[in-house]
Each structure stands twice: as structure tokens, then as C-alpha cells.
């Protein structure tokens, strides 16, 4: 009798274990699938872009001839267009960028030294740059450094004389930051130091004949913002 009781208890234990295993298997087969989290997609800066920019320039100009030297401040606004291309390798972003702006940067000084009439004036009517850029992408934000060629005009004049208008090529150095907005749009803020070097104004055009040739230097600090559209 005892033998039959033990056999019955053993069979009951086996059936219980089999039922539990079947229930666990059924639970796994009918469990709701878990949706995977979407993969993180970093912003890609590679591509051609065009844009607009605007800001201000402030710097100095210097008139120098046999009679002496005059230095004075210049300032004014700028607005124009931009075109460029970026190529991203990892987090590093390498690019080229060009821009051409209308410029209202100008300044003047009174009589004395190199200026023998009622005063001297320097104007810059247009300003462009062709630069390389190196940036580091923090996903949608990219700080960068930039440098290359700058070109524009230096218009020197003295009241009552013919004056002189010369196109010059110099250099531009600076840096900034660009932020990706919605879709293909980005916005940037940058600083450039621009030096157009020295223009020569013939005797009689910017000062009295006896003063000889007048050298007119021009450099400016440009602070501007821009909006770009990337293709």
C-alpha cells in the first residue's frame, strides 16, 4: 500500500512540473512583442549650401605721405550672399566658403598731417572672401575656425581732389558657430578680421602734389550672422 501511495505522489509531481513548463511556454509564445527604441541619428553636415548674411564692420584706416600720417576709425554695415560646401569625416567637418557683400564701411578725418585740404575719407563699397573652414560637429552644433583670401575696394578721397578707387586682395581670419535648425536650414554667427592691405593714391589725388604718393591702409573687424540652406 505504501508503495502505491509513493508512486501516486511521484506521478502527481511529474504532471505538475509538466503543466508549469507548458504554461510558461504558452506565456512566452503569446507575449506582446517589445518595440525597439529608435536608433539615434546624428546630424550630417555634408553638402552644398547657399545663404544670406548681414552684420557690421569696424576698424581703422591710415593715410600716410611725405607730410605725415593720419589714422581714424571706420565703421558701417554689410549684407550679401554666401555659397559653400562641407564634407564630414567622423565629427570633423572640412569645408570651403565664399561670400560677396555690399559694404557701407567708411570713416574720415579732419585737416592735418597727410590731409592738406578739408579732410580725408576712406570708403569700402564691397567686400568678399574665399575661405577654408574646419569645424567639429557636436551633433547639431558646429564651432569652426576659418581663413583665406579677402578682396574689396579701398576708395580714398580728399575734398576738392580727384581721389582714388583701388581693388585690393588681402586676407581674412576668424571663427564662429553654426547651428542646424529644422530641415535643411542652418544659422551661424561669425567673426572675421579682414586686412585689405595698402592702396596707393597718386600725388594730387589725395593730397597736394608736394606731398607725394599717399598710402591708404584699410582693415576691419566683421561681426555678422547668416542663414544657410543645405542641399
C-alpha atoms as a PDB file:
ATOM      1  CA  UNK A   1       0.000   0.000   0.000  1.00  0.00           C
ATOM      2  CA  UNK A   2       2.765   2.415   0.916  1.00  0.00           C
ATOM      3  CA  UNK A   3       4.416   1.655  -2.438  1.00  0.00           C
ATOM      4  CA  UNK A   4       1.243   2.713  -4.332  1.00  0.00           C
ATOM      5  CA  UNK A   5       0.975   5.983  -2.370  1.00  0.00           C
ATOM      6  CA  UNK A   6       4.582   6.943  -3.142  1.00  0.00           C
ATOM      7  CA  UNK A   7       4.092   6.092  -6.827  1.00  0.00           C
ATOM      8  CA  UNK A   8       0.966   8.252  -6.960  1.00  0.00           C
ATOM      9  CA  UNK A   9       2.750  11.215  -5.320  1.00  0.00           C
ATOM     10  CA  UNK A  10       5.633  10.894  -7.827  1.00  0.00           C
ATOM     11  CA  UNK A  11       3.260  10.872 -10.807  1.00  0.00           C
ATOM     12  CA  UNK A  12       1.456  13.943  -9.436  1.00  0.00           C
ATOM     13  CA  UNK A  13       4.746  15.817  -9.093  1.00  0.00           C
ATOM     14  CA  UNK A  14       5.742  14.975 -12.691  1.00  0.00           C
ATOM     15  CA  UNK A  15       2.365  16.137 -14.021  1.00  0.00           C
ATOM     16  CA  UNK A  16       2.631  19.410 -12.028  1.00  0.00           C
ATOM     17  CA  UNK A  17       6.089  20.166 -13.406  1.00  0.00           C
ATOM     18  CA  UNK A  18       4.961  19.404 -16.981  1.00  0.00           C
ATOM     19  CA  UNK A  19       1.944  21.699 -16.591  1.00  0.00           C
ATOM     20  CA  UNK A  20       4.087  24.543 -15.278  1.00  0.00           C
ATOM     21  CA  UNK A  21       6.516  24.157 -18.200  1.00  0.00           C
ATOM     22  CA  UNK A  22       3.663  24.187 -20.741  1.00  0.00           C
ATOM     23  CA  UNK A  23       2.147  27.293 -19.134  1.00  0.00           C
ATOM     24  CA  UNK A  24       5.485  29.140 -19.246  1.00  0.00           C
ATOM     25  CA  UNK A  25       5.977  28.185 -22.893  1.00  0.00           C
ATOM     26  CA  UNK A  26       2.453  29.356 -23.763  1.00  0.00           C
ATOM     27  CA  UNK A  27       3.084  32.649 -21.980  1.00  0.00           C
ATOM     28  CA  UNK A  28       6.275  33.235 -23.983  1.00  0.00           C
ATOM     29  CA  UNK A  29       4.557  32.432 -27.294  1.00  0.00           C
ATOM     30  CA  UNK A  30       1.670  34.827 -26.658  1.00  0.00           C
ATOM     31  CA  UNK A  31       3.646  37.671 -25.079  1.00  0.00           C
ATOM     32  CA  UNK A  32       3.363  41.069 -26.827  1.00  0.00           C
ATOM     33  CA  UNK A  33       6.497  41.941 -28.863  1.00  0.00           C
ATOM     34  CA  UNK A  34       8.616  44.737 -27.406  1.00  0.00           C
ATOM     35  CA  UNK A  35       9.204  47.623 -29.840  1.00  0.00           C
ATOM     36  CA  UNK A  36      12.879  48.507 -30.201  1.00  0.00           C
ATOM     37  CA  UNK A  37      13.947  52.052 -29.338  1.00  0.00           C
ATOM     38  CA  UNK A  38      14.657  54.135 -32.471  1.00  0.00           C
ATOM     39  CA  UNK A  39      18.349  54.459 -33.256  1.00  0.00           C
ATOM     40  CA  UNK A  40      19.941  57.880 -32.615  1.00  0.00           C
ATOM     41  CA  UNK A  41      20.658  59.678 -35.899  1.00  0.00           C
ATOM     42  CA  UNK A  42      23.348  62.389 -35.763  1.00  0.00           C
ATOM     43  CA  UNK A  43      23.074  65.457 -37.984  1.00  0.00           C
ATOM     44  CA  UNK A  44      25.164  65.202 -41.155  1.00  0.00           C
ATOM     45  CA  UNK A  45      26.826  68.468 -42.248  1.00  0.00           C
ATOM     46  CA  UNK A  46      27.982  67.186 -45.655  1.00  0.00           C
ATOM     47  CA  UNK A  47      26.605  69.034 -48.683  1.00  0.00           C
ATOM     48  CA  UNK A  48      26.384  72.160 -50.788  1.00  0.00           C
ATOM     49  CA  UNK A  49      24.684  75.209 -49.259  1.00  0.00           C
ATOM     50  CA  UNK A  50      23.718  78.782 -50.136  1.00  0.00           C
ATOM     51  CA  UNK A  51      22.648  81.579 -47.834  1.00  0.00           C
ATOM     52  CA  UNK A  52      22.487  85.223 -46.887  1.00  0.00           C
ATOM     53  CA  UNK A  53      24.499  87.130 -44.301  1.00  0.00           C
ATOM     54  CA  UNK A  54      24.491  90.539 -42.678  1.00  0.00           C
ATOM     55  CA  UNK A  55      26.311  92.423 -39.970  1.00  0.00           C
ATOM     56  CA  UNK A  56      28.728  95.255 -39.318  1.00  0.00           C
ATOM     57  CA  UNK A  57      32.390  96.116 -39.689  1.00  0.00           C
ATOM     58  CA  UNK A  58      34.501  98.385 -37.524  1.00  0.00           C
ATOM     59  CA  UNK A  59      38.215  99.097 -37.892  1.00  0.00           C
ATOM     60  CA  UNK A  60      40.749 101.748 -38.882  1.00  0.00           C
ATOM     61  CA  UNK A  61      42.243 103.400 -41.935  1.00  0.00           C
ATOM     62  CA  UNK A  62      45.507 105.289 -42.252  1.00  0.00           C
ATOM     63  CA  UNK A  63      46.638 107.980 -44.711  1.00  0.00           C
ATOM     64  CA  UNK A  64      50.411 108.355 -44.976  1.00  0.00           C
ATOM     65  CA  UNK A  65      52.548 110.590 -47.214  1.00  0.00           C
ATOM     66  CA  UNK A  66      55.528 112.961 -47.012  1.00  0.00           C
ATOM     67  CA  UNK A  67      53.519 115.426 -44.899  1.00  0.00           C
ATOM     68  CA  UNK A  68      52.669 112.957 -42.149  1.00  0.00           C
ATOM     69  CA  UNK A  69      50.206 110.298 -41.049  1.00  0.00           C
ATOM     70  CA  UNK A  70      46.515 110.334 -40.162  1.00  0.00           C
ATOM     71  CA  UNK A  71      44.731 107.344 -38.605  1.00  0.00           C
ATOM     72  CA  UNK A  72      40.979 107.257 -37.994  1.00  0.00           C
ATOM     73  CA  UNK A  73      38.157 104.841 -37.246  1.00  0.00           C
ATOM     74  CA  UNK A  74      35.850 103.304 -39.841  1.00  0.00           C
ATOM     75  CA  UNK A  75      32.506 101.542 -39.408  1.00  0.00           C
ATOM     76  CA  UNK A  76      29.381 100.515 -41.310  1.00  0.00           C
ATOM     77  CA  UNK A  77      27.006  97.712 -42.243  1.00  0.00           C
ATOM     78  CA  UNK A  78      27.329  94.754 -44.626  1.00  0.00           C
ATOM     79  CA  UNK A  79      24.825  92.463 -46.339  1.00  0.00           C
ATOM     80  CA  UNK A  80      25.265  89.847 -49.047  1.00  0.00           C
ATOM     81  CA  UNK A  81      25.215  86.230 -50.154  1.00  0.00           C
ATOM     82  CA  UNK A  82      27.130  83.042 -49.258  1.00  0.00           C
ATOM     83  CA  UNK A  83      27.902  79.754 -51.010  1.00  0.00           C
ATOM     84  CA  UNK A  84      29.866  76.815 -49.630  1.00  0.00           C
ATOM     85  CA  UNK A  85      30.392  73.079 -49.337  1.00  0.00           C
ATOM     86  CA  UNK A  86      31.031  70.853 -46.288  1.00  0.00           C
ATOM     87  CA  UNK A  87      32.397  67.321 -46.053  1.00  0.00           C
ATOM     88  CA  UNK A  88      32.107  65.498 -42.720  1.00  0.00           C
ATOM     89  CA  UNK A  89      34.545  62.792 -41.576  1.00  0.00           C
ATOM     90  CA  UNK A  90      33.511  61.470 -38.195  1.00  0.00           C
ATOM     91  CA  UNK A  91      32.989  64.566 -36.061  1.00  0.00           C
ATOM     92  CA  UNK A  92      35.389  66.685 -38.145  1.00  0.00           C
ATOM     93  CA  UNK A  93      33.869  68.929 -40.814  1.00  0.00           C
ATOM     94  CA  UNK A  94      36.009  70.344 -43.643  1.00  0.00           C
ATOM     95  CA  UNK A  95      34.622  72.979 -45.974  1.00  0.00           C
ATOM     96  CA  UNK A  96      35.128  75.863 -48.349  1.00  0.00           C
ATOM     97  CA  UNK A  97      33.048  79.028 -48.322  1.00  0.00           C
ATOM     98  CA  UNK A  98      32.793  82.198 -50.367  1.00  0.00           C
ATOM     99  CA  UNK A  99      30.753  85.348 -49.881  1.00  0.00           C
ATOM    100  CA  UNK A 100      30.248  88.738 -51.502  1.00  0.00           C
ATOM    101  CA  UNK A 101      28.762  91.675 -49.577  1.00  0.00           C
ATOM    102  CA  UNK A 102      27.722  95.220 -50.202  1.00  0.00           C
ATOM    103  CA  UNK A 103      29.639  97.311 -47.667  1.00  0.00           C
ATOM    104  CA  UNK A 104      28.967 100.695 -46.126  1.00  0.00           C
ATOM    105  CA  UNK A 105      32.165 100.812 -44.056  1.00  0.00           C
ATOM    106  CA  UNK A 106      33.680 104.304 -44.071  1.00  0.00           C
ATOM    107  CA  UNK A 107      35.406 106.925 -41.957  1.00  0.00           C
ATOM    108  CA  UNK A 108      37.044 110.352 -42.207  1.00  0.00           C
ATOM    109  CA  UNK A 109      39.430 112.728 -40.503  1.00  0.00           C
ATOM    110  CA  UNK A 110      39.992 116.465 -40.432  1.00  0.00           C
ATOM    111  CA  UNK A 111      42.825 118.601 -41.788  1.00  0.00           C
ATOM    112  CA  UNK A 112      46.363 117.916 -40.603  1.00  0.00           C
ATOM    113  CA  UNK A 113      49.299 115.650 -41.319  1.00  0.00           C
ATOM    114  CA  UNK A 114      48.735 113.760 -44.570  1.00  0.00           C
ATOM    115  CA  UNK A 115      45.426 115.557 -45.237  1.00  0.00           C
ATOM    116  CA  UNK A 116      46.029 119.056 -46.569  1.00  0.00           C
ATOM    117  CA  UNK A 117      42.543 120.086 -47.705  1.00  0.00           C
ATOM    118  CA  UNK A 118      39.320 119.952 -45.655  1.00  0.00           C
ATOM    119  CA  UNK A 119      39.903 116.341 -44.610  1.00  0.00           C
ATOM    120  CA  UNK A 120      40.357 112.772 -45.871  1.00  0.00           C
ATOM    121  CA  UNK A 121      37.899 109.881 -46.212  1.00  0.00           C
ATOM    122  CA  UNK A 122      38.163 106.120 -46.753  1.00  0.00           C
ATOM    123  CA  UNK A 123      35.247 104.039 -48.043  1.00  0.00           C
ATOM    124  CA  UNK A 124      34.747 100.355 -48.668  1.00  0.00           C
ATOM    125  CA  UNK A 125      31.812  99.703 -51.050  1.00  0.00           C
ATOM    126  CA  UNK A 126      32.074  95.923 -51.462  1.00  0.00           C
ATOM    127  CA  UNK A 127      33.824  93.112 -49.622  1.00  0.00           C
ATOM    128  CA  UNK A 128      34.215  89.415 -50.391  1.00  0.00           C
ATOM    129  CA  UNK A 129      36.096  86.418 -49.021  1.00  0.00           C
ATOM    130  CA  UNK A 130      37.091  82.926 -50.196  1.00  0.00           C
ATOM    131  CA  UNK A 131      37.987  80.775 -47.196  1.00  0.00           C
ATOM    132  CA  UNK A 132      38.506  77.294 -45.874  1.00  0.00           C
ATOM    133  CA  UNK A 133      36.648  76.103 -42.765  1.00  0.00           C
ATOM    134  CA  UNK A 134      37.447  73.414 -40.204  1.00  0.00           C
ATOM    135  CA  UNK A 135      34.741  72.563 -37.704  1.00  0.00           C
ATOM    136  CA  UNK A 136      33.879  69.980 -35.077  1.00  0.00           C
ATOM    137  CA  UNK A 137      30.312  68.672 -35.027  1.00  0.00           C
ATOM    138  CA  UNK A 138      28.569  68.321 -31.675  1.00  0.00           C
ATOM    139  CA  UNK A 139      25.581  66.800 -33.468  1.00  0.00           C
ATOM    140  CA  UNK A 140      23.559  69.905 -34.498  1.00  0.00           C
ATOM    141  CA  UNK A 141      26.088  72.498 -33.300  1.00  0.00           C
ATOM    142  CA  UNK A 142      29.394  73.083 -35.090  1.00  0.00           C
ATOM    143  CA  UNK A 143      32.035  75.579 -33.917  1.00  0.00           C
ATOM    144  CA  UNK A 144      34.660  76.322 -36.569  1.00  0.00           C
ATOM    145  CA  UNK A 145      37.761  78.284 -37.482  1.00  0.00           C
ATOM    146  CA  UNK A 146      38.185  79.847 -40.904  1.00  0.00           C
ATOM    147  CA  UNK A 147      40.759  81.675 -43.012  1.00  0.00           C
ATOM    148  CA  UNK A 148      41.610  82.619 -46.568  1.00  0.00           C
ATOM    149  CA  UNK A 149      41.615  85.465 -49.054  1.00  0.00           C
ATOM    150  CA  UNK A 150      39.689  88.721 -48.808  1.00  0.00           C
ATOM    151  CA  UNK A 151      39.045  91.166 -51.612  1.00  0.00           C
ATOM    152  CA  UNK A 152      37.334  94.534 -51.883  1.00  0.00           C
ATOM    153  CA  UNK A 153      37.828  98.153 -52.812  1.00  0.00           C
ATOM    154  CA  UNK A 154      39.544 100.980 -50.985  1.00  0.00           C
ATOM    155  CA  UNK A 155      38.141 104.333 -52.048  1.00  0.00           C
ATOM    156  CA  UNK A 156      40.320 107.165 -50.781  1.00  0.00           C
ATOM    157  CA  UNK A 157      39.413 110.812 -51.251  1.00  0.00           C
ATOM    158  CA  UNK A 158      40.183 114.310 -50.030  1.00  0.00           C
ATOM    159  CA  UNK A 159      37.636 117.083 -50.522  1.00  0.00           C
ATOM    160  CA  UNK A 160      38.370 119.074 -53.658  1.00  0.00           C
ATOM    161  CA  UNK A 161      40.678 116.434 -55.183  1.00  0.00           C
ATOM    162  CA  UNK A 162      40.046 113.542 -57.566  1.00  0.00           C
ATOM    163  CA  UNK A 163      40.581 110.741 -55.050  1.00  0.00           C
ATOM    164  CA  UNK A 164      41.326 107.118 -55.928  1.00  0.00           C
ATOM    165  CA  UNK A 165      39.402 103.815 -56.058  1.00  0.00           C
ATOM    166  CA  UNK A 166      41.505 100.627 -55.955  1.00  0.00           C
ATOM    167  CA  UNK A 167      40.579  96.920 -55.781  1.00  0.00           C
ATOM    168  CA  UNK A 168      42.756  95.097 -53.286  1.00  0.00           C
ATOM    169  CA  UNK A 169      43.342  91.451 -52.266  1.00  0.00           C
ATOM    170  CA  UNK A 170      44.225  90.688 -48.653  1.00  0.00           C
ATOM    171  CA  UNK A 171      43.342  88.062 -46.074  1.00  0.00           C
ATOM    172  CA  UNK A 172      40.573  87.133 -43.633  1.00  0.00           C
ATOM    173  CA  UNK A 173      40.870  85.103 -40.408  1.00  0.00           C
ATOM    174  CA  UNK A 174      38.267  84.237 -37.824  1.00  0.00           C
ATOM    175  CA  UNK A 175      35.807  81.728 -36.459  1.00  0.00           C
ATOM    176  CA  UNK A 176      32.231  81.155 -35.474  1.00  0.00           C
ATOM    177  CA  UNK A 177      29.492  78.688 -34.722  1.00  0.00           C
ATOM    178  CA  UNK A 178      26.729  77.182 -36.852  1.00  0.00           C
ATOM    179  CA  UNK A 179      23.544  75.529 -35.594  1.00  0.00           C
ATOM    180  CA  UNK A 180      21.223  73.208 -37.527  1.00  0.00           C
ATOM    181  CA  UNK A 181      17.614  74.379 -37.491  1.00  0.00           C
ATOM    182  CA  UNK A 182      14.624  72.468 -38.874  1.00  0.00           C
ATOM    183  CA  UNK A 183      15.131  70.543 -42.119  1.00  0.00           C
ATOM    184  CA  UNK A 184      17.969  71.801 -44.327  1.00  0.00           C
ATOM    185  CA  UNK A 185      18.217  75.222 -42.648  1.00  0.00           C
ATOM    186  CA  UNK A 186      21.175  76.317 -40.513  1.00  0.00           C
ATOM    187  CA  UNK A 187      22.066  79.592 -38.785  1.00  0.00           C
ATOM    188  CA  UNK A 188      25.518  80.940 -37.987  1.00  0.00           C
ATOM    189  CA  UNK A 189      27.306  83.722 -36.132  1.00  0.00           C
ATOM    190  CA  UNK A 190      30.895  84.543 -37.040  1.00  0.00           C
ATOM    191  CA  UNK A 191      33.770  86.986 -36.602  1.00  0.00           C
ATOM    192  CA  UNK A 192      36.351  87.844 -39.280  1.00  0.00           C
ATOM    193  CA  UNK A 193      39.412  90.046 -39.155  1.00  0.00           C
ATOM    194  CA  UNK A 194      39.875  91.442 -42.668  1.00  0.00           C
ATOM    195  CA  UNK A 195      43.002  93.250 -43.906  1.00  0.00           C
ATOM    196  CA  UNK A 196      42.975  94.639 -47.457  1.00  0.00           C
ATOM    197  CA  UNK A 197      46.494  95.959 -47.156  1.00  0.00           C
ATOM    198  CA  UNK A 198      47.571  99.252 -48.720  1.00  0.00           C
ATOM    199  CA  UNK A 199      46.300 101.231 -51.692  1.00  0.00           C
ATOM    200  CA  UNK A 200      48.396 103.947 -53.352  1.00  0.00           C
ATOM    201  CA  UNK A 201      46.790 107.278 -54.220  1.00  0.00           C
ATOM    202  CA  UNK A 202      48.822 109.392 -56.718  1.00  0.00           C
ATOM    203  CA  UNK A 203      50.082 112.853 -55.798  1.00  0.00           C
ATOM    204  CA  UNK A 204      47.384 115.428 -56.431  1.00  0.00           C
ATOM    205  CA  UNK A 205      44.520 112.934 -55.974  1.00  0.00           C
ATOM    206  CA  UNK A 206      44.508 112.526 -52.183  1.00  0.00           C
ATOM    207  CA  UNK A 207      46.842 115.332 -51.102  1.00  0.00           C
ATOM    208  CA  UNK A 208      48.812 118.245 -52.526  1.00  0.00           C
ATOM    209  CA  UNK A 209      51.346 117.456 -55.259  1.00  0.00           C
ATOM    210  CA  UNK A 210      54.226 118.215 -52.930  1.00  0.00           C
ATOM    211  CA  UNK A 211      53.037 115.509 -50.524  1.00  0.00           C
ATOM    212  CA  UNK A 212      53.956 112.710 -52.959  1.00  0.00           C
ATOM    213  CA  UNK A 213      52.053 109.413 -53.194  1.00  0.00           C
ATOM    214  CA  UNK A 214      49.617 108.760 -50.358  1.00  0.00           C
ATOM    215  CA  UNK A 215      49.424 105.234 -48.959  1.00  0.00           C
ATOM    216  CA  UNK A 216      45.958 104.325 -47.645  1.00  0.00           C
ATOM    217  CA  UNK A 217      45.632 101.275 -45.355  1.00  0.00           C
ATOM    218  CA  UNK A 218      42.352  99.556 -44.503  1.00  0.00           C
ATOM    219  CA  UNK A 219      41.459  96.769 -42.085  1.00  0.00           C
ATOM    220  CA  UNK A 220      38.219  95.928 -40.345  1.00  0.00           C
ATOM    221  CA  UNK A 221      36.605  93.575 -37.831  1.00  0.00           C
ATOM    222  CA  UNK A 222      33.449  91.971 -39.227  1.00  0.00           C
ATOM    223  CA  UNK A 223      30.747  90.528 -36.978  1.00  0.00           C
ATOM    224  CA  UNK A 224      27.810  89.019 -38.840  1.00  0.00           C
ATOM    225  CA  UNK A 225      25.016  86.468 -38.740  1.00  0.00           C
ATOM    226  CA  UNK A 226      23.760  84.285 -41.556  1.00  0.00           C
ATOM    227  CA  UNK A 227      21.137  81.740 -42.580  1.00  0.00           C
ATOM    228  CA  UNK A 228      22.040  78.877 -44.955  1.00  0.00           C
ATOM    229  CA  UNK A 229      20.036  76.315 -46.925  1.00  0.00           C
ATOM    230  CA  UNK A 230      21.795  72.960 -47.445  1.00  0.00           C
ATOM    231  CA  UNK A 231      21.053  70.790 -50.484  1.00  0.00           C
END
